[in-house]
Amino acid sequence: MHDRRRERPLGKSTSETERDLRKRHPASMVASIGPAGENLSYLASIMSDTRAAGRGGLGAVMGSKRVKAIAVKGLGKVRVANEDTYRRILKKLKYNIETHPLTGERDLWPCTAPLSWSTR
């Protein structure tokens, strides 16, 4: 849902941006950045509802592309083109996160839980 005609909500918080986009696009999911992402801070996160994706300054990546937010709405399932390859890559990714010296010692439930269902 890209709408160039709308005023860019620069300077708004992620909650303000999400509220505004959901008014225009009911029942959509919104991922957005705040001022930190706009200013390319290495600490910037991408926020969606109450979840944050922030490792490595992902919000700064969106900011560098001048993307304030993404709103999506869908009803169908996402079909994976090559499910075996997809599962193999996710399994390897999960293993690498869990065994890496910087991340392996921590409780990784928030980080690897989304990968668990696909590596069974």
PDB file of N, CA and C in Angstrom:
ATOM      1  N   MET A   1       0.833  -1.171   0.000  1.00  0.00           N
ATOM      2  CA  MET A   1       0.000   0.000   0.000  1.00  0.00           C
ATOM      3  C   MET A   1       0.878   1.234   0.000  1.00  0.00           C
ATOM      4  N   HIS A   2       1.376   1.597  -1.114  1.00  0.00           N
ATOM      5  CA  HIS A   2       2.251   2.757  -1.211  1.00  0.00           C
ATOM      6  C   HIS A   2       1.424   3.944  -1.664  1.00  0.00           C
ATOM      7  N   ASP A   3       1.485   5.026  -0.938  1.00  0.00           N
ATOM      8  CA  ASP A   3       0.666   6.185  -1.243  1.00  0.00           C
ATOM      9  C   ASP A   3       1.511   7.441  -1.194  1.00  0.00           C
ATOM     10  N   ARG A   4       2.027   7.858  -2.323  1.00  0.00           N
ATOM     11  CA  ARG A   4       2.886   9.041  -2.392  1.00  0.00           C
ATOM     12  C   ARG A   4       2.120  10.336  -2.158  1.00  0.00           C
ATOM     13  N   ARG A   5       0.806  10.317  -2.308  1.00  0.00           N
ATOM     14  CA  ARG A   5       0.023  11.544  -2.174  1.00  0.00           C
ATOM     15  C   ARG A   5      -0.109  11.986  -0.725  1.00  0.00           C
ATOM     16  N   ARG A   6       0.054  11.067   0.189  1.00  0.00           N
ATOM     17  CA  ARG A   6      -0.100  11.399   1.615  1.00  0.00           C
ATOM     18  C   ARG A   6       1.122  12.144   2.126  1.00  0.00           C
ATOM     19  N   GLU A   7       0.873  12.982   3.105  1.00  0.00           N
ATOM     20  CA  GLU A   7       1.987  13.692   3.754  1.00  0.00           C
ATOM     21  C   GLU A   7       2.844  12.682   4.495  1.00  0.00           C
ATOM     22  N   ARG A   8       4.157  12.798   4.341  1.00  0.00           N
ATOM     23  CA  ARG A   8       5.070  11.883   5.038  1.00  0.00           C
ATOM     24  C   ARG A   8       5.035  12.193   6.525  1.00  0.00           C
ATOM     25  N   PRO A   9       4.860  11.205   7.355  1.00  0.00           N
ATOM     26  CA  PRO A   9       4.738  11.427   8.800  1.00  0.00           C
ATOM     27  C   PRO A   9       6.092  11.520   9.511  1.00  0.00           C
ATOM     28  N   LEU A  10       7.032  12.273   8.945  1.00  0.00           N
ATOM     29  CA  LEU A  10       8.359  12.376   9.560  1.00  0.00           C
ATOM     30  C   LEU A  10       8.270  13.003  10.940  1.00  0.00           C
ATOM     31  N   GLY A  11       9.097  12.480  11.846  1.00  0.00           N
ATOM     32  CA  GLY A  11       9.132  13.002  13.202  1.00  0.00           C
ATOM     33  C   GLY A  11       8.122  12.373  14.136  1.00  0.00           C
ATOM     34  N   LYS A  12       7.183  11.614  13.611  1.00  0.00           N
ATOM     35  CA  LYS A  12       6.175  10.976  14.455  1.00  0.00           C
ATOM     36  C   LYS A  12       6.743   9.710  15.090  1.00  0.00           C
ATOM     37  N   SER A  13       6.196   9.373  16.250  1.00  0.00           N
ATOM     38  CA  SER A  13       6.591   8.131  16.907  1.00  0.00           C
ATOM     39  C   SER A  13       5.999   6.950  16.139  1.00  0.00           C
ATOM     40  N   THR A  14       6.462   5.764  16.475  1.00  0.00           N
ATOM     41  CA  THR A  14       5.943   4.574  15.799  1.00  0.00           C
ATOM     42  C   THR A  14       4.476   4.355  16.150  1.00  0.00           C
ATOM     43  N   SER A  15       4.069   4.650  17.375  1.00  0.00           N
ATOM     44  CA  SER A  15       2.660   4.455  17.744  1.00  0.00           C
ATOM     45  C   SER A  15       1.762   5.449  17.014  1.00  0.00           C
ATOM     46  N   GLU A  16       2.204   6.681  16.846  1.00  0.00           N
ATOM     47  CA  GLU A  16       1.425   7.662  16.077  1.00  0.00           C
ATOM     48  C   GLU A  16       1.315   7.241  14.611  1.00  0.00           C
ATOM     49  N   THR A  17       2.422   6.797  14.048  1.00  0.00           N
ATOM     50  CA  THR A  17       2.441   6.368  12.655  1.00  0.00           C
ATOM     51  C   THR A  17       1.519   5.174  12.451  1.00  0.00           C
ATOM     52  N   GLU A  18       1.596   4.199  13.360  1.00  0.00           N
ATOM     53  CA  GLU A  18       0.750   3.015  13.263  1.00  0.00           C
ATOM     54  C   GLU A  18      -0.727   3.394  13.360  1.00  0.00           C
ATOM     55  N   ARG A  19      -1.063   4.255  14.302  1.00  0.00           N
ATOM     56  CA  ARG A  19      -2.454   4.682  14.472  1.00  0.00           C
ATOM     57  C   ARG A  19      -2.972   5.355  13.194  1.00  0.00           C
ATOM     58  N   ASP A  20      -2.174   6.266  12.632  1.00  0.00           N
ATOM     59  CA  ASP A  20      -2.583   6.978  11.421  1.00  0.00           C
ATOM     60  C   ASP A  20      -2.767   6.031  10.230  1.00  0.00           C
ATOM     61  N   LEU A  21      -1.839   5.095  10.064  1.00  0.00           N
ATOM     62  CA  LEU A  21      -1.943   4.158   8.941  1.00  0.00           C
ATOM     63  C   LEU A  21      -3.127   3.206   9.094  1.00  0.00           C
ATOM     64  N   ARG A  22      -3.391   2.787  10.321  1.00  0.00           N
ATOM     65  CA  ARG A  22      -4.520   1.867  10.532  1.00  0.00           C
ATOM     66  C   ARG A  22      -5.860   2.562  10.324  1.00  0.00           C
ATOM     67  N   LYS A  23      -5.906   3.882  10.510  1.00  0.00           N
ATOM     68  CA  LYS A  23      -7.134   4.620  10.190  1.00  0.00           C
ATOM     69  C   LYS A  23      -7.387   4.588   8.687  1.00  0.00           C
ATOM     70  N   ARG A  24      -6.308   4.746   7.911  1.00  0.00           N
ATOM     71  CA  ARG A  24      -6.434   4.753   6.447  1.00  0.00           C
ATOM     72  C   ARG A  24      -6.541   3.352   5.861  1.00  0.00           C
ATOM     73  N   HIS A  25      -5.963   2.374   6.543  1.00  0.00           N
ATOM     74  CA  HIS A  25      -5.942   0.995   6.044  1.00  0.00           C
ATOM     75  C   HIS A  25      -6.402   0.055   7.161  1.00  0.00           C
ATOM     76  N   PRO A  26      -7.715  -0.004   7.422  1.00  0.00           N
ATOM     77  CA  PRO A  26      -8.224  -0.843   8.521  1.00  0.00           C
ATOM     78  C   PRO A  26      -7.811  -2.309   8.364  1.00  0.00           C
ATOM     79  N   ALA A  27      -7.632  -2.965   9.476  1.00  0.00           N
ATOM     80  CA  ALA A  27      -7.283  -4.396   9.553  1.00  0.00           C
ATOM     81  C   ALA A  27      -5.916  -4.707   8.946  1.00  0.00           C
ATOM     82  N   SER A  28      -5.061  -3.724   8.809  1.00  0.00           N
ATOM     83  CA  SER A  28      -3.727  -3.976   8.278  1.00  0.00           C
ATOM     84  C   SER A  28      -2.738  -4.137   9.430  1.00  0.00           C
ATOM     85  N   MET A  29      -1.596  -4.719   9.126  1.00  0.00           N
ATOM     86  CA  MET A  29      -0.486  -4.796  10.062  1.00  0.00           C
ATOM     87  C   MET A  29       0.523  -3.739   9.629  1.00  0.00           C
ATOM     88  N   VAL A  30       1.117  -3.071  10.600  1.00  0.00           N
ATOM     89  CA  VAL A  30       2.019  -1.963  10.298  1.00  0.00           C
ATOM     90  C   VAL A  30       3.374  -2.209  10.948  1.00  0.00           C
ATOM     91  N   ALA A  31       4.425  -1.981  10.193  1.00  0.00           N
ATOM     92  CA  ALA A  31       5.795  -1.972  10.713  1.00  0.00           C
ATOM     93  C   ALA A  31       6.339  -0.586  10.415  1.00  0.00           C
ATOM     94  N   SER A  32       6.894   0.077  11.437  1.00  0.00           N
ATOM     95  CA  SER A  32       7.337   1.458  11.226  1.00  0.00           C
ATOM     96  C   SER A  32       8.584   1.787  12.039  1.00  0.00           C
ATOM     97  N   ILE A  33       9.192   2.907  11.667  1.00  0.00           N
ATOM     98  CA  ILE A  33      10.343   3.427  12.414  1.00  0.00           C
ATOM     99  C   ILE A  33       9.969   4.786  12.986  1.00  0.00           C
ATOM    100  N   GLY A  34      10.667   5.160  14.029  1.00  0.00           N
ATOM    101  CA  GLY A  34      10.472   6.468  14.633  1.00  0.00           C
ATOM    102  C   GLY A  34      11.601   7.405  14.244  1.00  0.00           C
ATOM    103  N   PRO A  35      11.739   8.501  14.991  1.00  0.00           N
ATOM    104  CA  PRO A  35      12.789   9.469  14.685  1.00  0.00           C
ATOM    105  C   PRO A  35      14.199   8.884  14.690  1.00  0.00           C
ATOM    106  N   ALA A  36      14.470   7.895  15.525  1.00  0.00           N
ATOM    107  CA  ALA A  36      15.813   7.293  15.535  1.00  0.00           C
ATOM    108  C   ALA A  36      16.128   6.647  14.185  1.00  0.00           C
ATOM    109  N   GLY A  37      15.168   5.952  13.613  1.00  0.00           N
ATOM    110  CA  GLY A  37      15.361   5.350  12.303  1.00  0.00           C
ATOM    111  C   GLY A  37      15.497   6.391  11.212  1.00  0.00           C
ATOM    112  N   GLU A  38      14.713   7.454  11.308  1.00  0.00           N
ATOM    113  CA  GLU A  38      14.798   8.542  10.330  1.00  0.00           C
ATOM    114  C   GLU A  38      16.178   9.186  10.346  1.00  0.00           C
ATOM    115  N   ASN A  39      16.765   9.246  11.549  1.00  0.00           N
ATOM    116  CA  ASN A  39      18.087   9.863  11.708  1.00  0.00           C
ATOM    117  C   ASN A  39      19.224   8.852  11.599  1.00  0.00           C
ATOM    118  N   LEU A  40      18.895   7.644  11.150  1.00  0.00           N
ATOM    119  CA  LEU A  40      19.866   6.585  10.879  1.00  0.00           C
ATOM    120  C   LEU A  40      20.685   6.160  12.100  1.00  0.00           C
ATOM    121  N   SER A  41      20.056   6.161  13.252  1.00  0.00           N
ATOM    122  CA  SER A  41      20.717   5.718  14.473  1.00  0.00           C
ATOM    123  C   SER A  41      20.967   4.216  14.414  1.00  0.00           C
ATOM    124  N   TYR A  42      22.139   3.790  14.858  1.00  0.00           N
ATOM    125  CA  TYR A  42      22.473   2.371  14.880  1.00  0.00           C
ATOM    126  C   TYR A  42      21.652   1.600  15.915  1.00  0.00           C
ATOM    127  N   LEU A  43      20.929   2.310  16.754  1.00  0.00           N
ATOM    128  CA  LEU A  43      20.096   1.672  17.774  1.00  0.00           C
ATOM    129  C   LEU A  43      18.628   1.597  17.357  1.00  0.00           C
ATOM    130  N   ALA A  44      18.292   2.089  16.192  1.00  0.00           N
ATOM    131  CA  ALA A  44      16.904   2.176  15.752  1.00  0.00           C
ATOM    132  C   ALA A  44      16.298   0.799  15.504  1.00  0.00           C
ATOM    133  N   SER A  45      15.043   0.670  15.905  1.00  0.00           N
ATOM    134  CA  SER A  45      14.305  -0.582  15.720  1.00  0.00           C
ATOM    135  C   SER A  45      13.164  -0.387  14.735  1.00  0.00           C
ATOM    136  N   ILE A  46      12.685  -1.490  14.209  1.00  0.00           N
ATOM    137  CA  ILE A  46      11.448  -1.502  13.447  1.00  0.00           C
ATOM    138  C   ILE A  46      10.384  -2.033  14.401  1.00  0.00           C
ATOM    139  N   MET A  47       9.321  -1.261  14.578  1.00  0.00           N
ATOM    140  CA  MET A  47       8.275  -1.623  15.531  1.00  0.00           C
ATOM    141  C   MET A  47       7.032  -2.100  14.795  1.00  0.00           C
ATOM    142  N   SER A  48       6.386  -3.127  15.360  1.00  0.00           N
ATOM    143  CA  SER A  48       5.126  -3.637  14.835  1.00  0.00           C
ATOM    144  C   SER A  48       4.304  -4.099  16.025  1.00  0.00           C
ATOM    145  N   ASP A  49       3.191  -3.433  16.257  1.00  0.00           N
ATOM    146  CA  ASP A  49       2.400  -3.655  17.466  1.00  0.00           C
ATOM    147  C   ASP A  49       3.317  -3.448  18.671  1.00  0.00           C
ATOM    148  N   THR A  50       3.520  -4.477  19.454  1.00  0.00           N
ATOM    149  CA  THR A  50       4.406  -4.352  20.610  1.00  0.00           C
ATOM    150  C   THR A  50       5.717  -5.095  20.393  1.00  0.00           C
ATOM    151  N   ARG A  51       5.979  -5.514  19.179  1.00  0.00           N
ATOM    152  CA  ARG A  51       7.205  -6.246  18.858  1.00  0.00           C
ATOM    153  C   ARG A  51       8.238  -5.306  18.262  1.00  0.00           C
ATOM    154  N   ALA A  52       9.512  -5.630  18.476  1.00  0.00           N
ATOM    155  CA  ALA A  52      10.593  -4.815  17.935  1.00  0.00           C
ATOM    156  C   ALA A  52      11.622  -5.696  17.238  1.00  0.00           C
ATOM    157  N   ALA A  53      12.070  -5.239  16.091  1.00  0.00           N
ATOM    158  CA  ALA A  53      13.180  -5.881  15.392  1.00  0.00           C
ATOM    159  C   ALA A  53      14.287  -4.840  15.375  1.00  0.00           C
ATOM    160  N   GLY A  54      15.281  -5.006  16.240  1.00  0.00           N
ATOM    161  CA  GLY A  54      16.232  -3.934  16.390  1.00  0.00           C
ATOM    162  C   GLY A  54      17.692  -4.298  16.324  1.00  0.00           C
ATOM    163  N   ARG A  55      18.014  -5.566  16.290  1.00  0.00           N
ATOM    164  CA  ARG A  55      19.431  -5.924  16.267  1.00  0.00           C
ATOM    165  C   ARG A  55      20.096  -5.411  15.006  1.00  0.00           C
ATOM    166  N   GLY A  56      21.211  -4.780  15.182  1.00  0.00           N
ATOM    167  CA  GLY A  56      21.959  -4.281  14.038  1.00  0.00           C
ATOM    168  C   GLY A  56      21.411  -3.007  13.433  1.00  0.00           C
ATOM    169  N   GLY A  57      20.505  -2.327  14.128  1.00  0.00           N
ATOM    170  CA  GLY A  57      19.973  -1.068  13.624  1.00  0.00           C
ATOM    171  C   GLY A  57      19.082  -1.219  12.408  1.00  0.00           C
ATOM    172  N   LEU A  58      18.186  -2.202  12.435  1.00  0.00           N
ATOM    173  CA  LEU A  58      17.310  -2.425  11.287  1.00  0.00           C
ATOM    174  C   LEU A  58      16.457  -1.207  10.958  1.00  0.00           C
ATOM    175  N   GLY A  59      16.099  -0.428  11.982  1.00  0.00           N
ATOM    176  CA  GLY A  59      15.330   0.793  11.733  1.00  0.00           C
ATOM    177  C   GLY A  59      16.112   1.785  10.899  1.00  0.00           C
ATOM    178  N   ALA A  60      17.431   1.828  11.087  1.00  0.00           N
ATOM    179  CA  ALA A  60      18.278   2.717  10.287  1.00  0.00           C
ATOM    180  C   ALA A  60      18.313   2.273   8.828  1.00  0.00           C
ATOM    181  N   VAL A  61      18.192   0.980   8.594  1.00  0.00           N
ATOM    182  CA  VAL A  61      18.153   0.487   7.216  1.00  0.00           C
ATOM    183  C   VAL A  61      16.899   1.013   6.526  1.00  0.00           C
ATOM    184  N   MET A  62      15.742   0.912   7.196  1.00  0.00           N
ATOM    185  CA  MET A  62      14.523   1.475   6.612  1.00  0.00           C
ATOM    186  C   MET A  62      14.670   2.974   6.403  1.00  0.00           C
ATOM    187  N   GLY A  63      15.255   3.661   7.395  1.00  0.00           N
ATOM    188  CA  GLY A  63      15.447   5.109   7.278  1.00  0.00           C
ATOM    189  C   GLY A  63      16.348   5.481   6.121  1.00  0.00           C
ATOM    190  N   SER A  64      17.375   4.681   5.876  1.00  0.00           N
ATOM    191  CA  SER A  64      18.291   4.980   4.772  1.00  0.00           C
ATOM    192  C   SER A  64      17.602   4.842   3.423  1.00  0.00           C
ATOM    193  N   LYS A  65      16.548   4.041   3.381  1.00  0.00           N
ATOM    194  CA  LYS A  65      15.760   3.873   2.150  1.00  0.00           C
ATOM    195  C   LYS A  65      14.606   4.870   2.099  1.00  0.00           C
ATOM    196  N   ARG A  66      14.509   5.719   3.127  1.00  0.00           N
ATOM    197  CA  ARG A  66      13.440   6.714   3.256  1.00  0.00           C
ATOM    198  C   ARG A  66      12.058   6.062   3.313  1.00  0.00           C
ATOM    199  N   VAL A  67      11.999   4.914   4.014  1.00  0.00           N
ATOM    200  CA  VAL A  67      10.740   4.212   4.224  1.00  0.00           C
ATOM    201  C   VAL A  67      10.353   4.405   5.683  1.00  0.00           C
ATOM    202  N   LYS A  68       9.274   5.115   5.935  1.00  0.00           N
ATOM    203  CA  LYS A  68       8.811   5.377   7.294  1.00  0.00           C
ATOM    204  C   LYS A  68       8.032   4.186   7.832  1.00  0.00           C
ATOM    205  N   ALA A  69       7.193   3.597   6.991  1.00  0.00           N
ATOM    206  CA  ALA A  69       6.348   2.504   7.460  1.00  0.00           C
ATOM    207  C   ALA A  69       5.899   1.636   6.291  1.00  0.00           C
ATOM    208  N   ILE A  70       5.481   0.423   6.652  1.00  0.00           N
ATOM    209  CA  ILE A  70       4.915  -0.513   5.693  1.00  0.00           C
ATOM    210  C   ILE A  70       3.620  -1.027   6.303  1.00  0.00           C
ATOM    211  N   ALA A  71       2.537  -0.956   5.554  1.00  0.00           N
ATOM    212  CA  ALA A  71       1.250  -1.493   5.998  1.00  0.00           C
ATOM    213  C   ALA A  71       0.851  -2.591   5.028  1.00  0.00           C
ATOM    214  N   VAL A  72       0.497  -3.745   5.571  1.00  0.00           N
ATOM    215  CA  VAL A  72       0.097  -4.870   4.724  1.00  0.00           C
ATOM    216  C   VAL A  72      -1.186  -5.488   5.261  1.00  0.00           C
ATOM    217  N   LYS A  73      -1.940  -6.064   4.348  1.00  0.00           N
ATOM    218  CA  LYS A  73      -3.174  -6.748   4.717  1.00  0.00           C
ATOM    219  C   LYS A  73      -3.317  -7.937   3.783  1.00  0.00           C
ATOM    220  N   GLY A  74      -3.574  -9.073   4.349  1.00  0.00           N
ATOM    221  CA  GLY A  74      -3.718 -10.259   3.516  1.00  0.00           C
ATOM    222  C   GLY A  74      -4.603 -11.283   4.174  1.00  0.00           C
ATOM    223  N   LEU A  75      -5.177 -12.109   3.363  1.00  0.00           N
ATOM    224  CA  LEU A  75      -6.069 -13.144   3.866  1.00  0.00           C
ATOM    225  C   LEU A  75      -5.595 -14.543   3.534  1.00  0.00           C
ATOM    226  N   GLY A  76      -4.735 -14.657   2.545  1.00  0.00           N
ATOM    227  CA  GLY A  76      -4.294 -15.973   2.107  1.00  0.00           C
ATOM    228  C   GLY A  76      -3.023 -16.417   2.798  1.00  0.00           C
ATOM    229  N   LYS A  77      -2.675 -17.667   2.567  1.00  0.00           N
ATOM    230  CA  LYS A  77      -1.432 -18.214   3.092  1.00  0.00           C
ATOM    231  C   LYS A  77      -0.275 -17.827   2.182  1.00  0.00           C
ATOM    232  N   VAL A  78       0.903 -17.743   2.764  1.00  0.00           N
ATOM    233  CA  VAL A  78       2.105 -17.497   1.981  1.00  0.00           C
ATOM    234  C   VAL A  78       2.641 -18.852   1.548  1.00  0.00           C
ATOM    235  N   ARG A  79       2.810 -19.020   0.255  1.00  0.00           N
ATOM    236  CA  ARG A  79       3.313 -20.282  -0.266  1.00  0.00           C
ATOM    237  C   ARG A  79       4.822 -20.168  -0.460  1.00  0.00           C
ATOM    238  N   VAL A  80       5.548 -21.088   0.119  1.00  0.00           N
ATOM    239  CA  VAL A  80       6.998 -21.127  -0.027  1.00  0.00           C
ATOM    240  C   VAL A  80       7.309 -21.932  -1.281  1.00  0.00           C
ATOM    241  N   ALA A  81       8.094 -21.338  -2.162  1.00  0.00           N
ATOM    242  CA  ALA A  81       8.377 -21.975  -3.455  1.00  0.00           C
ATOM    243  C   ALA A  81       9.126 -23.293  -3.295  1.00  0.00           C
ATOM    244  N   ASN A  82      10.170 -23.327  -2.453  1.00  0.00           N
ATOM    245  CA  ASN A  82      10.959 -24.535  -2.260  1.00  0.00           C
ATOM    246  C   ASN A  82      11.039 -24.801  -0.761  1.00  0.00           C
ATOM    247  N   GLU A  83      10.049 -25.496  -0.255  1.00  0.00           N
ATOM    248  CA  GLU A  83       9.912 -25.683   1.183  1.00  0.00           C
ATOM    249  C   GLU A  83      11.085 -26.425   1.818  1.00  0.00           C
ATOM    250  N   ASP A  84      11.637 -27.414   1.140  1.00  0.00           N
ATOM    251  CA  ASP A  84      12.775 -28.159   1.701  1.00  0.00           C
ATOM    252  C   ASP A  84      13.989 -27.256   1.896  1.00  0.00           C
ATOM    253  N   THR A  85      14.295 -26.444   0.901  1.00  0.00           N
ATOM    254  CA  THR A  85      15.424 -25.509   1.004  1.00  0.00           C
ATOM    255  C   THR A  85      15.159 -24.488   2.100  1.00  0.00           C
ATOM    256  N   TYR A  86      13.950 -23.975   2.151  1.00  0.00           N
ATOM    257  CA  TYR A  86      13.554 -22.994   3.171  1.00  0.00           C
ATOM    258  C   TYR A  86      13.766 -23.560   4.577  1.00  0.00           C
ATOM    259  N   ARG A  87      13.276 -24.765   4.811  1.00  0.00           N
ATOM    260  CA  ARG A  87      13.435 -25.382   6.134  1.00  0.00           C
ATOM    261  C   ARG A  87      14.906 -25.654   6.467  1.00  0.00           C
ATOM    262  N   ARG A  88      15.676 -26.083   5.474  1.00  0.00           N
ATOM    263  CA  ARG A  88      17.099 -26.342   5.698  1.00  0.00           C
ATOM    264  C   ARG A  88      17.838 -25.054   6.097  1.00  0.00           C
ATOM    265  N   ILE A  89      17.544 -23.952   5.413  1.00  0.00           N
ATOM    266  CA  ILE A  89      18.189 -22.679   5.728  1.00  0.00           C
ATOM    267  C   ILE A  89      17.785 -22.204   7.112  1.00  0.00           C
ATOM    268  N   LEU A  90      16.501 -22.308   7.457  1.00  0.00           N
ATOM    269  CA  LEU A  90      16.050 -21.882   8.782  1.00  0.00           C
ATOM    270  C   LEU A  90      16.667 -22.726   9.891  1.00  0.00           C
ATOM    271  N   LYS A  91      16.797 -24.019   9.635  1.00  0.00           N
ATOM    272  CA  LYS A  91      17.406 -24.904  10.634  1.00  0.00           C
ATOM    273  C   LYS A  91      18.865 -24.502  10.877  1.00  0.00           C
ATOM    274  N   LYS A  92      19.586 -24.210   9.791  1.00  0.00           N
ATOM    275  CA  LYS A  92      20.978 -23.785   9.916  1.00  0.00           C
ATOM    276  C   LYS A  92      21.071 -22.432  10.619  1.00  0.00           C
ATOM    277  N   LEU A  93      20.183 -21.512  10.291  1.00  0.00           N
ATOM    278  CA  LEU A  93      20.166 -20.202  10.933  1.00  0.00           C
ATOM    279  C   LEU A  93      19.929 -20.327  12.436  1.00  0.00           C
ATOM    280  N   LYS A  94      18.954 -21.143  12.812  1.00  0.00           N
ATOM    281  CA  LYS A  94      18.657 -21.360  14.227  1.00  0.00           C
ATOM    282  C   LYS A  94      19.867 -21.962  14.944  1.00  0.00           C
ATOM    283  N   TYR A  95      20.503 -22.947  14.331  1.00  0.00           N
ATOM    284  CA  TYR A  95      21.691 -23.563  14.917  1.00  0.00           C
ATOM    285  C   TYR A  95      22.804 -22.530  15.109  1.00  0.00           C
ATOM    286  N   ASN A  96      23.039 -21.703  14.088  1.00  0.00           N
ATOM    287  CA  ASN A  96      24.097 -20.689  14.170  1.00  0.00           C
ATOM    288  C   ASN A  96      23.828 -19.685  15.283  1.00  0.00           C
ATOM    289  N   ILE A  97      22.589 -19.279  15.447  1.00  0.00           N
ATOM    290  CA  ILE A  97      22.246 -18.334  16.518  1.00  0.00           C
ATOM    291  C   ILE A  97      22.451 -18.982  17.878  1.00  0.00           C
ATOM    292  N   GLU A  98      21.986 -20.224  18.025  1.00  0.00           N
ATOM    293  CA  GLU A  98      22.061 -20.899  19.321  1.00  0.00           C
ATOM    294  C   GLU A  98      23.477 -21.314  19.719  1.00  0.00           C
ATOM    295  N   THR A  99      24.386 -21.455  18.762  1.00  0.00           N
ATOM    296  CA  THR A  99      25.739 -21.906  19.092  1.00  0.00           C
ATOM    297  C   THR A  99      26.794 -20.806  18.986  1.00  0.00           C
ATOM    298  N   HIS A 100      26.409 -19.632  18.545  1.00  0.00           N
ATOM    299  CA  HIS A 100      27.376 -18.533  18.422  1.00  0.00           C
ATOM    300  C   HIS A 100      27.796 -18.066  19.813  1.00  0.00           C
ATOM    301  N   PRO A 101      29.085 -17.722  20.013  1.00  0.00           N
ATOM    302  CA  PRO A 101      29.568 -17.311  21.337  1.00  0.00           C
ATOM    303  C   PRO A 101      28.844 -16.092  21.912  1.00  0.00           C
ATOM    304  N   LEU A 102      28.373 -15.201  21.077  1.00  0.00           N
ATOM    305  CA  LEU A 102      27.700 -14.000  21.587  1.00  0.00           C
ATOM    306  C   LEU A 102      26.226 -14.222  21.882  1.00  0.00           C
ATOM    307  N   THR A 103      25.609 -15.197  21.251  1.00  0.00           N
ATOM    308  CA  THR A 103      24.177 -15.400  21.448  1.00  0.00           C
ATOM    309  C   THR A 103      23.836 -16.751  22.050  1.00  0.00           C
ATOM    310  N   GLY A 104      24.730 -17.702  21.990  1.00  0.00           N
ATOM    311  CA  GLY A 104      24.443 -19.062  22.432  1.00  0.00           C
ATOM    312  C   GLY A 104      24.194 -19.231  23.911  1.00  0.00           C
ATOM    313  N   GLU A 105      24.715 -18.345  24.735  1.00  0.00           N
ATOM    314  CA  GLU A 105      24.580 -18.484  26.184  1.00  0.00           C
ATOM    315  C   GLU A 105      23.283 -17.870  26.709  1.00  0.00           C
ATOM    316  N   ARG A 106      22.565 -17.165  25.888  1.00  0.00           N
ATOM    317  CA  ARG A 106      21.380 -16.436  26.341  1.00  0.00           C
ATOM    318  C   ARG A 106      20.118 -17.256  26.138  1.00  0.00           C
ATOM    319  N   ASP A 107      19.063 -16.813  26.818  1.00  0.00           N
ATOM    320  CA  ASP A 107      17.749 -17.388  26.594  1.00  0.00           C
ATOM    321  C   ASP A 107      17.244 -16.827  25.273  1.00  0.00           C
ATOM    322  N   LEU A 108      17.189 -17.664  24.254  1.00  0.00           N
ATOM    323  CA  LEU A 108      16.905 -17.180  22.901  1.00  0.00           C
ATOM    324  C   LEU A 108      15.456 -17.330  22.483  1.00  0.00           C
ATOM    325  N   TRP A 109      14.561 -17.607  23.423  1.00  0.00           N
ATOM    326  CA  TRP A 109      13.184 -17.814  22.993  1.00  0.00           C
ATOM    327  C   TRP A 109      12.662 -16.707  22.088  1.00  0.00           C
ATOM    328  N   PRO A 110      12.799 -15.419  22.439  1.00  0.00           N
ATOM    329  CA  PRO A 110      12.252 -14.399  21.547  1.00  0.00           C
ATOM    330  C   PRO A 110      12.933 -14.384  20.179  1.00  0.00           C
ATOM    331  N   CYS A 111      14.191 -14.767  20.141  1.00  0.00           N
ATOM    332  CA  CYS A 111      14.946 -14.694  18.892  1.00  0.00           C
ATOM    333  C   CYS A 111      14.696 -15.887  17.986  1.00  0.00           C
ATOM    334  N   THR A 112      14.613 -17.076  18.543  1.00  0.00           N
ATOM    335  CA  THR A 112      14.529 -18.267  17.694  1.00  0.00           C
ATOM    336  C   THR A 112      13.175 -18.956  17.721  1.00  0.00           C
ATOM    337  N   ALA A 113      12.262 -18.525  18.561  1.00  0.00           N
ATOM    338  CA  ALA A 113      10.950 -19.173  18.603  1.00  0.00           C
ATOM    339  C   ALA A 113      10.261 -19.182  17.248  1.00  0.00           C
ATOM    340  N   PRO A 114      10.310 -18.083  16.481  1.00  0.00           N
ATOM    341  CA  PRO A 114       9.660 -18.138  15.162  1.00  0.00           C
ATOM    342  C   PRO A 114      10.312 -19.167  14.228  1.00  0.00           C
ATOM    343  N   LEU A 115      11.543 -19.547  14.479  1.00  0.00           N
ATOM    344  CA  LEU A 115      12.206 -20.520  13.622  1.00  0.00           C
ATOM    345  C   LEU A 115      11.863 -21.949  14.003  1.00  0.00           C
ATOM    346  N   SER A 116      11.426 -22.150  15.243  1.00  0.00           N
ATOM    347  CA  SER A 116      11.202 -23.499  15.755  1.00  0.00           C
ATOM    348  C   SER A 116      10.150 -24.265  14.964  1.00  0.00           C
ATOM    349  N   TRP A 117       9.042 -23.635  14.633  1.00  0.00           N
ATOM    350  CA  TRP A 117       7.963 -24.334  13.933  1.00  0.00           C
ATOM    351  C   TRP A 117       8.412 -24.845  12.561  1.00  0.00           C
ATOM    352  N   SER A 118       9.355 -24.154  11.961  1.00  0.00           N
ATOM    353  CA  SER A 118       9.714 -24.511  10.594  1.00  0.00           C
ATOM    354  C   SER A 118      10.887 -25.484  10.511  1.00  0.00           C
ATOM    355  N   THR A 119      11.483 -25.815  11.640  1.00  0.00           N
ATOM    356  CA  THR A 119      12.636 -26.712  11.600  1.00  0.00           C
ATOM    357  C   THR A 119      12.305 -28.105  12.128  1.00  0.00           C
ATOM    358  N   ARG A 120      11.048 -28.347  12.364  1.00  0.00           N
ATOM    359  CA  ARG A 120      10.642 -29.665  12.877  1.00  0.00           C
ATOM    360  C   ARG A 120      10.659 -30.706  11.792  1.00  0.00           C
TER     361      ARG A 120
END
